Amino acid sequence: MKATIVQLRYRMKDVLRALERNESVEILYRGKVKGTIIPVHQRKKPISKDHPSFGMWADDPRSVEEIMEELRKPRYGDL
């Protein structure tokens, strides 16, 4: 479905019905697509074990808190 800004304002019920039908809604402004509204369940897939970053620190004995502390520490010693 395509909807202009005016239709979005005055016919929101129709836009919500389209989302309930699992349709994406393209938002048009002056005839050009400015964005897309997608139903909640069509959003990004969760990261799975197939992702290349999965388990990259599996061999590190430190806790997550220790790793994050190391990453967030100030870098004054690098100067």
C-alpha atoms as a PDB file:
ATOM      1  CA  MET A   1       0.000   0.000   0.000  1.00  0.00           C
ATOM      2  CA  LYS A   2       1.103   3.556  -0.652  1.00  0.00           C
ATOM      3  CA  ALA A   3      -0.085   6.457   1.477  1.00  0.00           C
ATOM      4  CA  THR A   4       0.590  10.168   1.330  1.00  0.00           C
ATOM      5  CA  ILE A   5       1.162  12.275   4.429  1.00  0.00           C
ATOM      6  CA  VAL A   6      -2.429  13.560   4.214  1.00  0.00           C
ATOM      7  CA  GLN A   7      -3.816  10.019   3.954  1.00  0.00           C
ATOM      8  CA  LEU A   8      -1.668   9.008   6.880  1.00  0.00           C
ATOM      9  CA  ARG A   9      -3.192  11.797   8.909  1.00  0.00           C
ATOM     10  CA  TYR A  10      -6.844  11.398   7.941  1.00  0.00           C
ATOM     11  CA  ARG A  11      -7.072   7.676   7.130  1.00  0.00           C
ATOM     12  CA  MET A  12      -4.842   6.079   9.763  1.00  0.00           C
ATOM     13  CA  LYS A  13      -7.454   3.368  10.328  1.00  0.00           C
ATOM     14  CA  ASP A  14      -6.938   2.148   6.739  1.00  0.00           C
ATOM     15  CA  VAL A  15      -3.172   2.155   7.217  1.00  0.00           C
ATOM     16  CA  LEU A  16      -3.515   0.096  10.397  1.00  0.00           C
ATOM     17  CA  ARG A  17      -5.788  -2.371   8.605  1.00  0.00           C
ATOM     18  CA  ALA A  18      -3.160  -2.785   5.894  1.00  0.00           C
ATOM     19  CA  LEU A  19      -0.553  -3.500   8.566  1.00  0.00           C
ATOM     20  CA  GLU A  20      -2.893  -6.104  10.109  1.00  0.00           C
ATOM     21  CA  ARG A  21      -2.998  -7.779   6.679  1.00  0.00           C
ATOM     22  CA  ASN A  22       0.823  -7.947   6.820  1.00  0.00           C
ATOM     23  CA  GLU A  23       1.220  -5.326   4.096  1.00  0.00           C
ATOM     24  CA  SER A  24       4.021  -2.796   4.116  1.00  0.00           C
ATOM     25  CA  VAL A  25       2.963   0.835   3.772  1.00  0.00           C
ATOM     26  CA  GLU A  26       5.128   3.209   1.752  1.00  0.00           C
ATOM     27  CA  ILE A  27       4.916   6.837   2.884  1.00  0.00           C
ATOM     28  CA  LEU A  28       4.922   9.361   0.047  1.00  0.00           C
ATOM     29  CA  TYR A  29       5.805  13.033   0.342  1.00  0.00           C
ATOM     30  CA  ARG A  30       5.359  15.113  -2.786  1.00  0.00           C
ATOM     31  CA  GLY A  31       5.198  11.940  -4.842  1.00  0.00           C
ATOM     32  CA  LYS A  32       8.465  10.470  -3.588  1.00  0.00           C
ATOM     33  CA  VAL A  33       8.843   7.580  -1.154  1.00  0.00           C
ATOM     34  CA  LYS A  34      10.196   8.908   2.160  1.00  0.00           C
ATOM     35  CA  GLY A  35       9.826   5.817   4.308  1.00  0.00           C
ATOM     36  CA  THR A  36       8.175   2.480   4.858  1.00  0.00           C
ATOM     37  CA  ILE A  37       6.064   1.197   7.722  1.00  0.00           C
ATOM     38  CA  ILE A  38       6.299  -2.565   8.103  1.00  0.00           C
ATOM     39  CA  PRO A  39       4.317  -4.903  10.369  1.00  0.00           C
ATOM     40  CA  VAL A  40       6.068  -5.801  13.611  1.00  0.00           C
ATOM     41  CA  HIS A  41       6.581  -9.482  12.858  1.00  0.00           C
ATOM     42  CA  GLN A  42       8.267  -8.698   9.507  1.00  0.00           C
ATOM     43  CA  ARG A  43      11.119  -6.762  11.114  1.00  0.00           C
ATOM     44  CA  LYS A  44      14.677  -7.985  11.336  1.00  0.00           C
ATOM     45  CA  LYS A  45      15.266 -11.618  11.971  1.00  0.00           C
ATOM     46  CA  PRO A  46      17.040 -12.331  15.244  1.00  0.00           C
ATOM     47  CA  ILE A  47      20.761 -12.991  15.057  1.00  0.00           C
ATOM     48  CA  SER A  48      21.321 -16.701  14.745  1.00  0.00           C
ATOM     49  CA  LYS A  49      24.231 -19.046  15.076  1.00  0.00           C
ATOM     50  CA  ASP A  50      24.794 -18.643  11.339  1.00  0.00           C
ATOM     51  CA  HIS A  51      25.925 -15.037  11.845  1.00  0.00           C
ATOM     52  CA  PRO A  52      29.718 -14.664  11.435  1.00  0.00           C
ATOM     53  CA  SER A  53      30.055 -12.786  14.759  1.00  0.00           C
ATOM     54  CA  PHE A  54      28.342 -15.489  16.785  1.00  0.00           C
ATOM     55  CA  GLY A  55      30.719 -16.992  19.344  1.00  0.00           C
ATOM     56  CA  MET A  56      33.716 -14.853  18.398  1.00  0.00           C
ATOM     57  CA  TRP A  57      34.715 -14.553  22.075  1.00  0.00           C
ATOM     58  CA  ALA A  58      33.714 -18.064  23.107  1.00  0.00           C
ATOM     59  CA  ASP A  59      37.307 -18.947  24.054  1.00  0.00           C
ATOM     60  CA  ASP A  60      37.783 -15.808  26.202  1.00  0.00           C
ATOM     61  CA  PRO A  61      37.654 -16.737  29.925  1.00  0.00           C
ATOM     62  CA  ARG A  62      36.649 -13.203  30.999  1.00  0.00           C
ATOM     63  CA  SER A  63      33.066 -12.304  31.864  1.00  0.00           C
ATOM     64  CA  VAL A  64      30.986 -10.071  29.615  1.00  0.00           C
ATOM     65  CA  GLU A  65      31.311  -7.244  32.151  1.00  0.00           C
ATOM     66  CA  GLU A  66      35.118  -7.468  32.069  1.00  0.00           C
ATOM     67  CA  ILE A  67      35.200  -7.443  28.283  1.00  0.00           C
ATOM     68  CA  MET A  68      32.869  -4.437  28.107  1.00  0.00           C
ATOM     69  CA  GLU A  69      34.909  -2.604  30.729  1.00  0.00           C
ATOM     70  CA  GLU A  70      38.030  -3.203  28.635  1.00  0.00           C
ATOM     71  CA  LEU A  71      36.317  -1.907  25.495  1.00  0.00           C
ATOM     72  CA  ARG A  72      34.920   1.190  27.208  1.00  0.00           C
ATOM     73  CA  LYS A  73      38.002   2.247  29.127  1.00  0.00           C
ATOM     74  CA  PRO A  74      39.577   5.634  28.326  1.00  0.00           C
ATOM     75  CA  ARG A  75      42.384   5.541  25.844  1.00  0.00           C
ATOM     76  CA  TYR A  76      44.659   8.092  27.520  1.00  0.00           C
ATOM     77  CA  GLY A  77      47.581   5.650  27.557  1.00  0.00           C
ATOM     78  CA  ASP A  78      47.487   5.426  23.748  1.00  0.00           C
ATOM     79  CA  LEU A  79      48.618   9.043  23.289  1.00  0.00           C
END
